[in-house]
Amino acid sequence: MNIKTLGLPLAVAAFLALAGCSTQTVVTLQNGTQYLTKDMPKASSKDGFYEFEDISGAKVRVKADEVATVRKED
């Protein structure tokens, strides 16, 4: 077998493994607004904001005081 024959299946397997690592999360704000995110949001302790990217690719930054819940999507 040559490298080209093995390369494509290995690349596909690696891509699928990485895609399975992300966990969609629902961030609900105090006012009822919900964001569906690609991964768990990162809380920045320095300035008190949550930063995340929603499923459409938009970057969102919300004050931690405005966040009601952060949970994995069912």
C-alpha atoms as a PDB file:
ATOM      1  CA  MET A   1       0.000   0.000   0.000  1.00  0.00           C
ATOM      2  CA  ASN A   2       1.208   3.462  -0.695  1.00  0.00           C
ATOM      3  CA  ILE A   3       0.857   6.676   1.290  1.00  0.00           C
ATOM      4  CA  LYS A   4      -1.983   8.072  -0.858  1.00  0.00           C
ATOM      5  CA  THR A   5      -4.097   4.982  -0.280  1.00  0.00           C
ATOM      6  CA  LEU A   6      -3.698   5.222   3.494  1.00  0.00           C
ATOM      7  CA  GLY A   7      -3.689   9.023   3.748  1.00  0.00           C
ATOM      8  CA  LEU A   8      -7.307   9.738   2.864  1.00  0.00           C
ATOM      9  CA  PRO A   9      -8.902   7.195   5.237  1.00  0.00           C
ATOM     10  CA  LEU A  10      -6.619   8.330   8.053  1.00  0.00           C
ATOM     11  CA  ALA A  11      -7.466  11.989   7.426  1.00  0.00           C
ATOM     12  CA  VAL A  12     -11.198  11.212   7.430  1.00  0.00           C
ATOM     13  CA  ALA A  13     -10.879   9.217  10.658  1.00  0.00           C
ATOM     14  CA  ALA A  14      -8.956  12.053  12.340  1.00  0.00           C
ATOM     15  CA  PHE A  15     -11.547  14.613  11.242  1.00  0.00           C
ATOM     16  CA  LEU A  16     -14.424  12.522  12.588  1.00  0.00           C
ATOM     17  CA  ALA A  17     -12.620  11.973  15.885  1.00  0.00           C
ATOM     18  CA  LEU A  18     -12.059  15.701  16.334  1.00  0.00           C
ATOM     19  CA  ALA A  19     -15.626  16.551  15.343  1.00  0.00           C
ATOM     20  CA  GLY A  20     -16.890  14.219  18.046  1.00  0.00           C
ATOM     21  CA  CYS A  21     -14.943  16.068  20.740  1.00  0.00           C
ATOM     22  CA  SER A  22     -17.024  19.222  20.641  1.00  0.00           C
ATOM     23  CA  THR A  23     -20.090  19.397  22.866  1.00  0.00           C
ATOM     24  CA  GLN A  24     -22.891  21.750  21.932  1.00  0.00           C
ATOM     25  CA  THR A  25     -23.968  23.862  24.872  1.00  0.00           C
ATOM     26  CA  VAL A  26     -27.012  26.038  25.577  1.00  0.00           C
ATOM     27  CA  VAL A  27     -26.301  29.354  27.303  1.00  0.00           C
ATOM     28  CA  THR A  28     -29.454  30.933  28.751  1.00  0.00           C
ATOM     29  CA  LEU A  29     -29.424  34.567  29.828  1.00  0.00           C
ATOM     30  CA  GLN A  30     -31.477  36.131  32.637  1.00  0.00           C
ATOM     31  CA  ASN A  31     -33.797  37.734  30.047  1.00  0.00           C
ATOM     32  CA  GLY A  32     -34.572  34.333  28.451  1.00  0.00           C
ATOM     33  CA  THR A  33     -32.314  34.677  25.404  1.00  0.00           C
ATOM     34  CA  GLN A  34     -30.666  31.372  24.505  1.00  0.00           C
ATOM     35  CA  TYR A  35     -27.483  30.771  22.539  1.00  0.00           C
ATOM     36  CA  LEU A  36     -26.496  27.398  21.095  1.00  0.00           C
ATOM     37  CA  THR A  37     -22.709  27.166  21.131  1.00  0.00           C
ATOM     38  CA  LYS A  38     -20.232  24.837  19.464  1.00  0.00           C
ATOM     39  CA  ASP A  39     -18.248  24.202  22.672  1.00  0.00           C
ATOM     40  CA  MET A  40     -18.402  24.989  26.363  1.00  0.00           C
ATOM     41  CA  PRO A  41     -18.054  28.776  26.861  1.00  0.00           C
ATOM     42  CA  LYS A  42     -14.921  30.135  28.465  1.00  0.00           C
ATOM     43  CA  ALA A  43     -15.394  32.383  31.469  1.00  0.00           C
ATOM     44  CA  SER A  44     -12.878  35.181  31.719  1.00  0.00           C
ATOM     45  CA  SER A  45     -12.339  35.774  35.423  1.00  0.00           C
ATOM     46  CA  LYS A  46     -10.406  39.013  34.912  1.00  0.00           C
ATOM     47  CA  ASP A  47     -13.307  41.059  33.562  1.00  0.00           C
ATOM     48  CA  GLY A  48     -16.265  38.762  34.378  1.00  0.00           C
ATOM     49  CA  PHE A  49     -17.448  37.921  30.850  1.00  0.00           C
ATOM     50  CA  TYR A  50     -18.353  34.686  29.093  1.00  0.00           C
ATOM     51  CA  GLU A  51     -16.922  34.403  25.600  1.00  0.00           C
ATOM     52  CA  PHE A  52     -18.137  31.858  23.071  1.00  0.00           C
ATOM     53  CA  GLU A  53     -18.931  31.261  19.422  1.00  0.00           C
ATOM     54  CA  ASP A  54     -22.510  30.388  18.525  1.00  0.00           C
ATOM     55  CA  ILE A  55     -23.364  27.772  15.907  1.00  0.00           C
ATOM     56  CA  SER A  56     -23.588  30.398  13.164  1.00  0.00           C
ATOM     57  CA  GLY A  57     -19.968  31.392  13.842  1.00  0.00           C
ATOM     58  CA  ALA A  58     -20.692  34.726  15.537  1.00  0.00           C
ATOM     59  CA  LYS A  59     -18.498  35.570  18.520  1.00  0.00           C
ATOM     60  CA  VAL A  60     -20.543  36.495  21.591  1.00  0.00           C
ATOM     61  CA  ARG A  61     -19.370  38.168  24.782  1.00  0.00           C
ATOM     62  CA  VAL A  62     -21.800  38.351  27.715  1.00  0.00           C
ATOM     63  CA  LYS A  63     -21.408  39.557  31.309  1.00  0.00           C
ATOM     64  CA  ALA A  64     -21.330  36.644  33.721  1.00  0.00           C
ATOM     65  CA  ASP A  65     -24.053  38.344  35.804  1.00  0.00           C
ATOM     66  CA  GLU A  66     -26.442  38.087  32.835  1.00  0.00           C
ATOM     67  CA  VAL A  67     -25.983  34.309  32.429  1.00  0.00           C
ATOM     68  CA  ALA A  68     -28.674  32.191  34.098  1.00  0.00           C
ATOM     69  CA  THR A  69     -27.562  28.688  33.042  1.00  0.00           C
ATOM     70  CA  VAL A  70     -24.937  26.905  30.968  1.00  0.00           C
ATOM     71  CA  ARG A  71     -25.806  23.296  30.123  1.00  0.00           C
ATOM     72  CA  LYS A  72     -25.000  20.631  27.561  1.00  0.00           C
ATOM     73  CA  GLU A  73     -27.603  20.276  24.863  1.00  0.00           C
ATOM     74  CA  ASP A  74     -29.726  17.150  25.186  1.00  0.00           C
END
